[in-house]
Amino acid sequence: MSSDDSAQVDNLIQQAKAIQNKLKDILKDASEMEVTASSGGGMVHVTANGLYQIVSVKLDRQIVNPDDIEMLTDLIIAATNQALADAQAMINEEMSKVSSGLALPEKY
C-alpha cells in the first residue's frame, strides 16, 4: 500500500468517525424533533417525534360525535400514519445530510 493509499484510508476512517458522531447527535436529538400531521380538514392533529412516538393528539370539539366514532377513529388513524411517515422522512433527511459529506476515494 502506497503512502497515498494509506492517507486515503486514514482520511476515510476519520470521515466515518465524524459521521458516526453526527449520527449519535441526531439520535440524541430525535426525541425533541417533532412533526405534526392533520386530517379531517384540520380537525384532528397528531404530533410525532423523531423516535416515531406519538406525543400529542388534538381534536376539535366539532369532530367529536358520539354517534360517529368510526369516522373519528379513521381520522385519528390517518393523521397518525401521516405523522409517523413525516417523522421518518424528517429523520431520513437528517441522516442523508450527514452521509452526503462522505468523500470516497476514487480507487481502493
PDB file of N, CA and C in Angstrom:
ATOM      1  N   MET A   1       0.852  -1.172   0.000  1.00  0.00           N
ATOM      2  CA  MET A   1       0.000   0.000   0.000  1.00  0.00           C
ATOM      3  C   MET A   1       0.898   1.235   0.000  1.00  0.00           C
ATOM      4  N   SER A   2       0.624   2.135  -0.926  1.00  0.00           N
ATOM      5  CA  SER A   2       1.430   3.354  -1.014  1.00  0.00           C
ATOM      6  C   SER A   2       1.023   4.330   0.081  1.00  0.00           C
ATOM      7  N   SER A   3       1.855   5.349   0.272  1.00  0.00           N
ATOM      8  CA  SER A   3       1.525   6.350   1.286  1.00  0.00           C
ATOM      9  C   SER A   3       0.264   7.116   0.911  1.00  0.00           C
ATOM     10  N   ASP A   4       0.020   7.285  -0.411  1.00  0.00           N
ATOM     11  CA  ASP A   4      -1.228   7.924  -0.869  1.00  0.00           C
ATOM     12  C   ASP A   4      -2.438   7.084  -0.471  1.00  0.00           C
ATOM     13  N   ASP A   5      -2.338   5.770  -0.693  1.00  0.00           N
ATOM     14  CA  ASP A   5      -3.429   4.870  -0.334  1.00  0.00           C
ATOM     15  C   ASP A   5      -3.661   4.882   1.175  1.00  0.00           C
ATOM     16  N   SER A   6      -2.569   4.878   1.918  1.00  0.00           N
ATOM     17  CA  SER A   6      -2.663   4.893   3.373  1.00  0.00           C
ATOM     18  C   SER A   6      -3.317   6.189   3.863  1.00  0.00           C
ATOM     19  N   ALA A   7      -2.963   7.297   3.250  1.00  0.00           N
ATOM     20  CA  ALA A   7      -3.563   8.585   3.619  1.00  0.00           C
ATOM     21  C   ALA A   7      -5.055   8.593   3.300  1.00  0.00           C
ATOM     22  N   GLN A   8      -5.428   7.995   2.164  1.00  0.00           N
ATOM     23  CA  GLN A   8      -6.851   7.939   1.796  1.00  0.00           C
ATOM     24  C   GLN A   8      -7.631   7.088   2.783  1.00  0.00           C
ATOM     25  N   VAL A   9      -7.048   5.972   3.201  1.00  0.00           N
ATOM     26  CA  VAL A   9      -7.710   5.103   4.179  1.00  0.00           C
ATOM     27  C   VAL A   9      -7.846   5.837   5.505  1.00  0.00           C
ATOM     28  N   ASP A  10      -6.803   6.501   5.947  1.00  0.00           N
ATOM     29  CA  ASP A  10      -6.865   7.271   7.193  1.00  0.00           C
ATOM     30  C   ASP A  10      -7.931   8.357   7.116  1.00  0.00           C
ATOM     31  N   ASN A  11      -7.999   9.038   5.976  1.00  0.00           N
ATOM     32  CA  ASN A  11      -8.999  10.084   5.776  1.00  0.00           C
ATOM     33  C   ASN A  11     -10.406   9.491   5.823  1.00  0.00           C
ATOM     34  N   LEU A  12     -10.590   8.346   5.191  1.00  0.00           N
ATOM     35  CA  LEU A  12     -11.886   7.687   5.187  1.00  0.00           C
ATOM     36  C   LEU A  12     -12.298   7.269   6.596  1.00  0.00           C
ATOM     37  N   ILE A  13     -11.355   6.770   7.360  1.00  0.00           N
ATOM     38  CA  ILE A  13     -11.643   6.374   8.742  1.00  0.00           C
ATOM     39  C   ILE A  13     -12.040   7.584   9.576  1.00  0.00           C
ATOM     40  N   GLN A  14     -11.353   8.692   9.397  1.00  0.00           N
ATOM     41  CA  GLN A  14     -11.702   9.915  10.140  1.00  0.00           C
ATOM     42  C   GLN A  14     -13.089  10.420   9.736  1.00  0.00           C
ATOM     43  N   GLN A  15     -13.401  10.358   8.439  1.00  0.00           N
ATOM     44  CA  GLN A  15     -14.727  10.772   7.981  1.00  0.00           C
ATOM     45  C   GLN A  15     -15.798   9.872   8.585  1.00  0.00           C
ATOM     46  N   ALA A  16     -15.535   8.565   8.623  1.00  0.00           N
ATOM     47  CA  ALA A  16     -16.500   7.624   9.191  1.00  0.00           C
ATOM     48  C   ALA A  16     -16.740   7.911  10.666  1.00  0.00           C
ATOM     49  N   LYS A  17     -15.676   8.227  11.404  1.00  0.00           N
ATOM     50  CA  LYS A  17     -15.822   8.558  12.828  1.00  0.00           C
ATOM     51  C   LYS A  17     -16.631   9.840  13.006  1.00  0.00           C
ATOM     52  N   ALA A  18     -16.404  10.826  12.153  1.00  0.00           N
ATOM     53  CA  ALA A  18     -17.151  12.084  12.235  1.00  0.00           C
ATOM     54  C   ALA A  18     -18.625  11.844  11.940  1.00  0.00           C
ATOM     55  N   ILE A  19     -18.906  11.019  10.944  1.00  0.00           N
ATOM     56  CA  ILE A  19     -20.295  10.698  10.609  1.00  0.00           C
ATOM     57  C   ILE A  19     -20.952   9.944  11.753  1.00  0.00           C
ATOM     58  N   GLN A  20     -20.238   9.014  12.346  1.00  0.00           N
ATOM     59  CA  GLN A  20     -20.771   8.262  13.473  1.00  0.00           C
ATOM     60  C   GLN A  20     -21.152   9.207  14.618  1.00  0.00           C
ATOM     61  N   ASN A  21     -20.307  10.188  14.902  1.00  0.00           N
ATOM     62  CA  ASN A  21     -20.616  11.154  15.963  1.00  0.00           C
ATOM     63  C   ASN A  21     -21.836  11.999  15.613  1.00  0.00           C
ATOM     64  N   LYS A  22     -21.940  12.406  14.347  1.00  0.00           N
ATOM     65  CA  LYS A  22     -23.101  13.196  13.928  1.00  0.00           C
ATOM     66  C   LYS A  22     -24.379  12.368  14.024  1.00  0.00           C
ATOM     67  N   LEU A  23     -24.320  11.091  13.651  1.00  0.00           N
ATOM     68  CA  LEU A  23     -25.492  10.222  13.750  1.00  0.00           C
ATOM     69  C   LEU A  23     -25.916  10.046  15.203  1.00  0.00           C
ATOM     70  N   LYS A  24     -24.961   9.917  16.108  1.00  0.00           N
ATOM     71  CA  LYS A  24     -25.285   9.829  17.532  1.00  0.00           C
ATOM     72  C   LYS A  24     -26.004  11.094  17.993  1.00  0.00           C
ATOM     73  N   ASP A  25     -25.534  12.251  17.521  1.00  0.00           N
ATOM     74  CA  ASP A  25     -26.186  13.519  17.884  1.00  0.00           C
ATOM     75  C   ASP A  25     -27.619  13.572  17.362  1.00  0.00           C
ATOM     76  N   ILE A  26     -27.830  13.116  16.130  1.00  0.00           N
ATOM     77  CA  ILE A  26     -29.180  13.107  15.556  1.00  0.00           C
ATOM     78  C   ILE A  26     -30.095  12.228  16.401  1.00  0.00           C
ATOM     79  N   LEU A  27     -29.631  11.046  16.746  1.00  0.00           N
ATOM     80  CA  LEU A  27     -30.459  10.140  17.541  1.00  0.00           C
ATOM     81  C   LEU A  27     -30.728  10.709  18.923  1.00  0.00           C
ATOM     82  N   LYS A  28     -29.743  11.396  19.492  1.00  0.00           N
ATOM     83  CA  LYS A  28     -29.930  12.023  20.804  1.00  0.00           C
ATOM     84  C   LYS A  28     -30.995  13.121  20.725  1.00  0.00           C
ATOM     85  N   ASP A  29     -30.973  13.882  19.639  1.00  0.00           N
ATOM     86  CA  ASP A  29     -31.909  14.994  19.472  1.00  0.00           C
ATOM     87  C   ASP A  29     -33.266  14.567  18.918  1.00  0.00           C
ATOM     88  N   ALA A  30     -33.371  13.335  18.445  1.00  0.00           N
ATOM     89  CA  ALA A  30     -34.591  12.882  17.765  1.00  0.00           C
ATOM     90  C   ALA A  30     -35.831  12.985  18.641  1.00  0.00           C
ATOM     91  N   SER A  31     -35.681  12.780  19.927  1.00  0.00           N
ATOM     92  CA  SER A  31     -36.857  12.849  20.802  1.00  0.00           C
ATOM     93  C   SER A  31     -37.420  14.258  20.886  1.00  0.00           C
ATOM     94  N   GLU A  32     -36.603  15.262  20.562  1.00  0.00           N
ATOM     95  CA  GLU A  32     -37.062  16.652  20.617  1.00  0.00           C
ATOM     96  C   GLU A  32     -37.533  17.166  19.261  1.00  0.00           C
ATOM     97  N   MET A  33     -37.232  16.425  18.181  1.00  0.00           N
ATOM     98  CA  MET A  33     -37.656  16.818  16.838  1.00  0.00           C
ATOM     99  C   MET A  33     -39.099  16.341  16.651  1.00  0.00           C
ATOM    100  N   GLU A  34     -39.969  17.244  16.223  1.00  0.00           N
ATOM    101  CA  GLU A  34     -41.383  16.883  16.100  1.00  0.00           C
ATOM    102  C   GLU A  34     -41.962  17.305  14.754  1.00  0.00           C
ATOM    103  N   VAL A  35     -42.946  16.529  14.318  1.00  0.00           N
ATOM    104  CA  VAL A  35     -43.742  16.862  13.145  1.00  0.00           C
ATOM    105  C   VAL A  35     -45.207  16.668  13.517  1.00  0.00           C
ATOM    106  N   THR A  36     -46.068  17.475  12.910  1.00  0.00           N
ATOM    107  CA  THR A  36     -47.494  17.371  13.165  1.00  0.00           C
ATOM    108  C   THR A  36     -48.220  17.172  11.845  1.00  0.00           C
ATOM    109  N   ALA A  37     -49.152  16.226  11.839  1.00  0.00           N
ATOM    110  CA  ALA A  37     -49.977  15.971  10.662  1.00  0.00           C
ATOM    111  C   ALA A  37     -51.432  16.143  11.075  1.00  0.00           C
ATOM    112  N   SER A  38     -52.263  16.450  10.085  1.00  0.00           N
ATOM    113  CA  SER A  38     -53.678  16.641  10.399  1.00  0.00           C
ATOM    114  C   SER A  38     -54.545  15.899   9.393  1.00  0.00           C
ATOM    115  N   SER A  39     -55.792  15.718   9.774  1.00  0.00           N
ATOM    116  CA  SER A  39     -56.800  15.126   8.890  1.00  0.00           C
ATOM    117  C   SER A  39     -58.137  15.756   9.225  1.00  0.00           C
ATOM    118  N   GLY A  40     -59.127  15.424   8.431  1.00  0.00           N
ATOM    119  CA  GLY A  40     -60.463  15.969   8.684  1.00  0.00           C
ATOM    120  C   GLY A  40     -60.511  17.469   8.540  1.00  0.00           C
ATOM    121  N   GLY A  41     -59.784  17.984   7.539  1.00  0.00           N
ATOM    122  CA  GLY A  41     -59.785  19.427   7.329  1.00  0.00           C
ATOM    123  C   GLY A  41     -59.163  20.189   8.487  1.00  0.00           C
ATOM    124  N   GLY A  42     -58.209  19.578   9.171  1.00  0.00           N
ATOM    125  CA  GLY A  42     -57.529  20.244  10.284  1.00  0.00           C
ATOM    126  C   GLY A  42     -58.220  20.064  11.620  1.00  0.00           C
ATOM    127  N   MET A  43     -59.183  19.166  11.683  1.00  0.00           N
ATOM    128  CA  MET A  43     -59.894  18.958  12.940  1.00  0.00           C
ATOM    129  C   MET A  43     -59.214  17.934  13.841  1.00  0.00           C
ATOM    130  N   VAL A  44     -58.302  17.148  13.271  1.00  0.00           N
ATOM    131  CA  VAL A  44     -57.523  16.174  14.036  1.00  0.00           C
ATOM    132  C   VAL A  44     -56.051  16.461  13.775  1.00  0.00           C
ATOM    133  N   HIS A  45     -55.279  16.648  14.848  1.00  0.00           N
ATOM    134  CA  HIS A  45     -53.839  16.899  14.747  1.00  0.00           C
ATOM    135  C   HIS A  45     -53.099  15.853  15.577  1.00  0.00           C
ATOM    136  N   VAL A  46     -52.108  15.223  14.955  1.00  0.00           N
ATOM    137  CA  VAL A  46     -51.288  14.241  15.654  1.00  0.00           C
ATOM    138  C   VAL A  46     -49.836  14.659  15.502  1.00  0.00           C
ATOM    139  N   THR A  47     -49.110  14.690  16.619  1.00  0.00           N
ATOM    140  CA  THR A  47     -47.700  15.059  16.616  1.00  0.00           C
ATOM    141  C   THR A  47     -46.869  13.838  16.991  1.00  0.00           C
ATOM    142  N   ALA A  48     -45.805  13.613  16.197  1.00  0.00           N
ATOM    143  CA  ALA A  48     -44.868  12.520  16.456  1.00  0.00           C
ATOM    144  C   ALA A  48     -43.471  13.105  16.591  1.00  0.00           C
ATOM    145  N   ASN A  49     -42.616  12.406  17.329  1.00  0.00           N
ATOM    146  CA  ASN A  49     -41.232  12.861  17.446  1.00  0.00           C
ATOM    147  C   ASN A  49     -40.337  12.028  16.533  1.00  0.00           C
ATOM    148  N   GLY A  50     -39.060  12.334  16.547  1.00  0.00           N
ATOM    149  CA  GLY A  50     -38.108  11.648  15.686  1.00  0.00           C
ATOM    150  C   GLY A  50     -37.815  10.222  16.093  1.00  0.00           C
ATOM    151  N   LEU A  51     -38.356   9.791  17.207  1.00  0.00           N
ATOM    152  CA  LEU A  51     -38.231   8.395  17.630  1.00  0.00           C
ATOM    153  C   LEU A  51     -39.465   7.598  17.229  1.00  0.00           C
ATOM    154  N   TYR A  52     -40.321   8.197  16.391  1.00  0.00           N
ATOM    155  CA  TYR A  52     -41.562   7.584  15.889  1.00  0.00           C
ATOM    156  C   TYR A  52     -42.536   7.292  17.024  1.00  0.00           C
ATOM    157  N   GLN A  53     -42.582   8.199  17.993  1.00  0.00           N
ATOM    158  CA  GLN A  53     -43.527   8.097  19.095  1.00  0.00           C
ATOM    159  C   GLN A  53     -44.569   9.198  18.948  1.00  0.00           C
ATOM    160  N   ILE A  54     -45.818   8.874  19.193  1.00  0.00           N
ATOM    161  CA  ILE A  54     -46.879   9.870  19.180  1.00  0.00           C
ATOM    162  C   ILE A  54     -46.794  10.629  20.500  1.00  0.00           C
ATOM    163  N   VAL A  55     -46.675  11.951  20.410  1.00  0.00           N
ATOM    164  CA  VAL A  55     -46.522  12.755  21.619  1.00  0.00           C
ATOM    165  C   VAL A  55     -47.745  13.626  21.898  1.00  0.00           C
ATOM    166  N   SER A  56     -48.635  13.757  20.900  1.00  0.00           N
ATOM    167  CA  SER A  56     -49.796  14.611  21.113  1.00  0.00           C
ATOM    168  C   SER A  56     -50.893  14.278  20.109  1.00  0.00           C
ATOM    169  N   VAL A  57     -52.123  14.304  20.575  1.00  0.00           N
ATOM    170  CA  VAL A  57     -53.303  14.184  19.717  1.00  0.00           C
ATOM    171  C   VAL A  57     -54.252  15.295  20.139  1.00  0.00           C
ATOM    172  N   LYS A  58     -54.644  16.127  19.184  1.00  0.00           N
ATOM    173  CA  LYS A  58     -55.583  17.212  19.474  1.00  0.00           C
ATOM    174  C   LYS A  58     -56.792  17.070  18.555  1.00  0.00           C
ATOM    175  N   LEU A  59     -57.961  17.153  19.161  1.00  0.00           N
ATOM    176  CA  LEU A  59     -59.214  17.015  18.423  1.00  0.00           C
ATOM    177  C   LEU A  59     -60.038  18.281  18.566  1.00  0.00           C
ATOM    178  N   ASP A  60     -60.569  18.755  17.468  1.00  0.00           N
ATOM    179  CA  ASP A  60     -61.506  19.875  17.504  1.00  0.00           C
ATOM    180  C   ASP A  60     -62.829  19.339  18.059  1.00  0.00           C
ATOM    181  N   ARG A  61     -63.458  20.104  18.916  1.00  0.00           N
ATOM    182  CA  ARG A  61     -64.719  19.659  19.535  1.00  0.00           C
ATOM    183  C   ARG A  61     -65.771  19.261  18.502  1.00  0.00           C
ATOM    184  N   GLN A  62     -65.792  19.932  17.376  1.00  0.00           N
ATOM    185  CA  GLN A  62     -66.810  19.657  16.357  1.00  0.00           C
ATOM    186  C   GLN A  62     -66.700  18.253  15.767  1.00  0.00           C
ATOM    187  N   ILE A  63     -65.504  17.672  15.819  1.00  0.00           N
ATOM    188  CA  ILE A  63     -65.302  16.360  15.213  1.00  0.00           C
ATOM    189  C   ILE A  63     -65.717  15.223  16.151  1.00  0.00           C
ATOM    190  N   VAL A  64     -65.893  15.532  17.434  1.00  0.00           N
ATOM    191  CA  VAL A  64     -66.250  14.507  18.414  1.00  0.00           C
ATOM    192  C   VAL A  64     -67.766  14.332  18.412  1.00  0.00           C
ATOM    193  N   ASN A  65     -68.185  13.274  17.727  1.00  0.00           N
ATOM    194  CA  ASN A  65     -69.615  12.964  17.615  1.00  0.00           C
ATOM    195  C   ASN A  65     -69.809  11.544  18.126  1.00  0.00           C
ATOM    196  N   PRO A  66     -70.460  11.379  19.272  1.00  0.00           N
ATOM    197  CA  PRO A  66     -70.646  10.040  19.844  1.00  0.00           C
ATOM    198  C   PRO A  66     -71.375   9.080  18.897  1.00  0.00           C
ATOM    199  N   ASP A  67     -72.127   9.632  17.959  1.00  0.00           N
ATOM    200  CA  ASP A  67     -72.860   8.786  17.023  1.00  0.00           C
ATOM    201  C   ASP A  67     -72.012   8.376  15.818  1.00  0.00           C
ATOM    202  N   ASP A  68     -70.796   8.906  15.698  1.00  0.00           N
ATOM    203  CA  ASP A  68     -69.943   8.565  14.559  1.00  0.00           C
ATOM    204  C   ASP A  68     -68.493   8.370  15.004  1.00  0.00           C
ATOM    205  N   ILE A  69     -68.309   7.471  15.946  1.00  0.00           N
ATOM    206  CA  ILE A  69     -66.975   7.167  16.466  1.00  0.00           C
ATOM    207  C   ILE A  69     -66.091   6.573  15.366  1.00  0.00           C
ATOM    208  N   GLU A  70     -66.668   5.832  14.456  1.00  0.00           N
ATOM    209  CA  GLU A  70     -65.892   5.204  13.375  1.00  0.00           C
ATOM    210  C   GLU A  70     -65.176   6.253  12.525  1.00  0.00           C
ATOM    211  N   MET A  71     -65.866   7.353  12.193  1.00  0.00           N
ATOM    212  CA  MET A  71     -65.224   8.402  11.407  1.00  0.00           C
ATOM    213  C   MET A  71     -64.077   9.042  12.188  1.00  0.00           C
ATOM    214  N   LEU A  72     -64.291   9.309  13.465  1.00  0.00           N
ATOM    215  CA  LEU A  72     -63.248   9.903  14.298  1.00  0.00           C
ATOM    216  C   LEU A  72     -62.037   8.973  14.373  1.00  0.00           C
ATOM    217  N   THR A  73     -62.300   7.702  14.544  1.00  0.00           N
ATOM    218  CA  THR A  73     -61.220   6.718  14.582  1.00  0.00           C
ATOM    219  C   THR A  73     -60.433   6.731  13.277  1.00  0.00           C
ATOM    220  N   ASP A  74     -61.126   6.753  12.154  1.00  0.00           N
ATOM    221  CA  ASP A  74     -60.458   6.790  10.845  1.00  0.00           C
ATOM    222  C   ASP A  74     -59.607   8.041  10.689  1.00  0.00           C
ATOM    223  N   LEU A  75     -60.096   9.178  11.141  1.00  0.00           N
ATOM    224  CA  LEU A  75     -59.335  10.422  11.039  1.00  0.00           C
ATOM    225  C   LEU A  75     -58.092  10.400  11.936  1.00  0.00           C
ATOM    226  N   ILE A  76     -58.225   9.824  13.122  1.00  0.00           N
ATOM    227  CA  ILE A  76     -57.070   9.712  14.017  1.00  0.00           C
ATOM    228  C   ILE A  76     -56.026   8.788  13.395  1.00  0.00           C
ATOM    229  N   ILE A  77     -56.459   7.682  12.835  1.00  0.00           N
ATOM    230  CA  ILE A  77     -55.523   6.755  12.195  1.00  0.00           C
ATOM    231  C   ILE A  77     -54.828   7.431  11.014  1.00  0.00           C
ATOM    232  N   ALA A  78     -55.579   8.153  10.204  1.00  0.00           N
ATOM    233  CA  ALA A  78     -54.990   8.831   9.036  1.00  0.00           C
ATOM    234  C   ALA A  78     -53.945   9.858   9.471  1.00  0.00           C
ATOM    235  N   ALA A  79     -54.273  10.669  10.460  1.00  0.00           N
ATOM    236  CA  ALA A  79     -53.326  11.686  10.932  1.00  0.00           C
ATOM    237  C   ALA A  79     -52.113  11.033  11.593  1.00  0.00           C
ATOM    238  N   THR A  80     -52.327   9.957  12.321  1.00  0.00           N
ATOM    239  CA  THR A  80     -51.227   9.252  12.975  1.00  0.00           C
ATOM    240  C   THR A  80     -50.274   8.652  11.948  1.00  0.00           C
ATOM    241  N   ASN A  81     -50.827   7.979  10.946  1.00  0.00           N
ATOM    242  CA  ASN A  81     -49.980   7.390   9.906  1.00  0.00           C
ATOM    243  C   ASN A  81     -49.183   8.458   9.168  1.00  0.00           C
ATOM    244  N   GLN A  82     -49.802   9.594   8.908  1.00  0.00           N
ATOM    245  CA  GLN A  82     -49.091  10.677   8.222  1.00  0.00           C
ATOM    246  C   GLN A  82     -48.004  11.266   9.113  1.00  0.00           C
ATOM    247  N   ALA A  83     -48.299  11.437  10.390  1.00  0.00           N
ATOM    248  CA  ALA A  83     -47.294  11.976  11.322  1.00  0.00           C
ATOM    249  C   ALA A  83     -46.090  11.044  11.421  1.00  0.00           C
ATOM    250  N   LEU A  84     -46.331   9.742  11.474  1.00  0.00           N
ATOM    251  CA  LEU A  84     -45.232   8.784  11.546  1.00  0.00           C
ATOM    252  C   LEU A  84     -44.418   8.771  10.254  1.00  0.00           C
ATOM    253  N   ALA A  85     -45.097   8.868   9.112  1.00  0.00           N
ATOM    254  CA  ALA A  85     -44.386   8.939   7.830  1.00  0.00           C
ATOM    255  C   ALA A  85     -43.555  10.213   7.745  1.00  0.00           C
ATOM    256  N   ASP A  86     -44.112  11.320   8.217  1.00  0.00           N
ATOM    257  CA  ASP A  86     -43.381  12.592   8.210  1.00  0.00           C
ATOM    258  C   ASP A  86     -42.177  12.538   9.152  1.00  0.00           C
ATOM    259  N   ALA A  87     -42.340  11.880  10.293  1.00  0.00           N
ATOM    260  CA  ALA A  87     -41.224  11.739  11.235  1.00  0.00           C
ATOM    261  C   ALA A  87     -40.109  10.913  10.606  1.00  0.00           C
ATOM    262  N   GLN A  88     -40.481   9.856   9.917  1.00  0.00           N
ATOM    263  CA  GLN A  88     -39.474   9.028   9.257  1.00  0.00           C
ATOM    264  C   GLN A  88     -38.761   9.822   8.166  1.00  0.00           C
ATOM    265  N   ALA A  89     -39.502  10.595   7.391  1.00  0.00           N
ATOM    266  CA  ALA A  89     -38.893  11.420   6.340  1.00  0.00           C
ATOM    267  C   ALA A  89     -37.951  12.458   6.954  1.00  0.00           C
ATOM    268  N   MET A  90     -38.347  13.032   8.086  1.00  0.00           N
ATOM    269  CA  MET A  90     -37.520  14.036   8.756  1.00  0.00           C
ATOM    270  C   MET A  90     -36.187  13.418   9.193  1.00  0.00           C
ATOM    271  N   ILE A  91     -36.245  12.248   9.810  1.00  0.00           N
ATOM    272  CA  ILE A  91     -35.025  11.589  10.262  1.00  0.00           C
ATOM    273  C   ILE A  91     -34.179  11.145   9.071  1.00  0.00           C
ATOM    274  N   ASN A  92     -34.814  10.625   8.024  1.00  0.00           N
ATOM    275  CA  ASN A  92     -34.069  10.234   6.824  1.00  0.00           C
ATOM    276  C   ASN A  92     -33.337  11.423   6.214  1.00  0.00           C
ATOM    277  N   GLU A  93     -33.997  12.577   6.202  1.00  0.00           N
ATOM    278  CA  GLU A  93     -33.366  13.789   5.666  1.00  0.00           C
ATOM    279  C   GLU A  93     -32.151  14.184   6.498  1.00  0.00           C
ATOM    280  N   GLU A  94     -32.297  14.122   7.823  1.00  0.00           N
ATOM    281  CA  GLU A  94     -31.172  14.449   8.699  1.00  0.00           C
ATOM    282  C   GLU A  94     -30.013  13.475   8.483  1.00  0.00           C
ATOM    283  N   MET A  95     -30.343  12.209   8.332  1.00  0.00           N
ATOM    284  CA  MET A  95     -29.299  11.195   8.107  1.00  0.00           C
ATOM    285  C   MET A  95     -28.610  11.410   6.757  1.00  0.00           C
ATOM    286  N   SER A  96     -29.365  11.778   5.737  1.00  0.00           N
ATOM    287  CA  SER A  96     -28.762  11.962   4.413  1.00  0.00           C
ATOM    288  C   SER A  96     -27.849  13.186   4.394  1.00  0.00           C
ATOM    289  N   LYS A  97     -28.163  14.190   5.204  1.00  0.00           N
ATOM    290  CA  LYS A  97     -27.279  15.356   5.307  1.00  0.00           C
ATOM    291  C   LYS A  97     -25.908  14.935   5.817  1.00  0.00           C
ATOM    292  N   VAL A  98     -25.905  14.011   6.748  1.00  0.00           N
ATOM    293  CA  VAL A  98     -24.652  13.547   7.340  1.00  0.00           C
ATOM    294  C   VAL A  98     -23.857  12.725   6.335  1.00  0.00           C
ATOM    295  N   SER A  99     -24.517  11.805   5.651  1.00  0.00           N
ATOM    296  CA  SER A  99     -23.789  10.904   4.755  1.00  0.00           C
ATOM    297  C   SER A  99     -23.420  11.555   3.428  1.00  0.00           C
ATOM    298  N   SER A 100     -24.048  12.655   3.081  1.00  0.00           N
ATOM    299  CA  SER A 100     -23.737  13.296   1.800  1.00  0.00           C
ATOM    300  C   SER A 100     -22.340  13.899   1.785  1.00  0.00           C
ATOM    301  N   GLY A 101     -21.755  14.140   2.942  1.00  0.00           N
ATOM    302  CA  GLY A 101     -20.426  14.714   3.006  1.00  0.00           C
ATOM    303  C   GLY A 101     -19.311  13.688   2.918  1.00  0.00           C
ATOM    304  N   LEU A 102     -19.670  12.423   2.802  1.00  0.00           N
ATOM    305  CA  LEU A 102     -18.665  11.377   2.753  1.00  0.00           C
ATOM    306  C   LEU A 102     -18.006  11.340   1.371  1.00  0.00           C
ATOM    307  N   ALA A 103     -16.711  11.568   1.346  1.00  0.00           N
ATOM    308  CA  ALA A 103     -15.967  11.572   0.081  1.00  0.00           C
ATOM    309  C   ALA A 103     -15.167  10.283  -0.036  1.00  0.00           C
ATOM    310  N   LEU A 104     -15.657   9.374  -0.855  1.00  0.00           N
ATOM    311  CA  LEU A 104     -14.952   8.118  -1.057  1.00  0.00           C
ATOM    312  C   LEU A 104     -13.813   8.312  -2.038  1.00  0.00           C
ATOM    313  N   PRO A 105     -12.698   7.632  -1.813  1.00  0.00           N
ATOM    314  CA  PRO A 105     -11.593   7.731  -2.765  1.00  0.00           C
ATOM    315  C   PRO A 105     -11.990   7.102  -4.101  1.00  0.00           C
ATOM    316  N   GLU A 106     -11.378   7.558  -5.167  1.00  0.00           N
ATOM    317  CA  GLU A 106     -11.728   7.029  -6.492  1.00  0.00           C
ATOM    318  C   GLU A 106     -11.199   5.628  -6.688  1.00  0.00           C
ATOM    319  N   LYS A 107     -10.131   5.261  -6.031  1.00  0.00           N
ATOM    320  CA  LYS A 107      -9.612   3.900  -6.155  1.00  0.00           C
ATOM    321  C   LYS A 107      -9.307   3.366  -4.776  1.00  0.00           C
ATOM    322  N   TYR A 108      -9.290   2.073  -4.660  1.00  0.00           N
ATOM    323  CA  TYR A 108      -9.010   1.419  -3.381  1.00  0.00           C
ATOM    324  C   TYR A 108      -7.691   0.703  -3.459  1.00  0.00           C
TER     325      TYR A 108
END
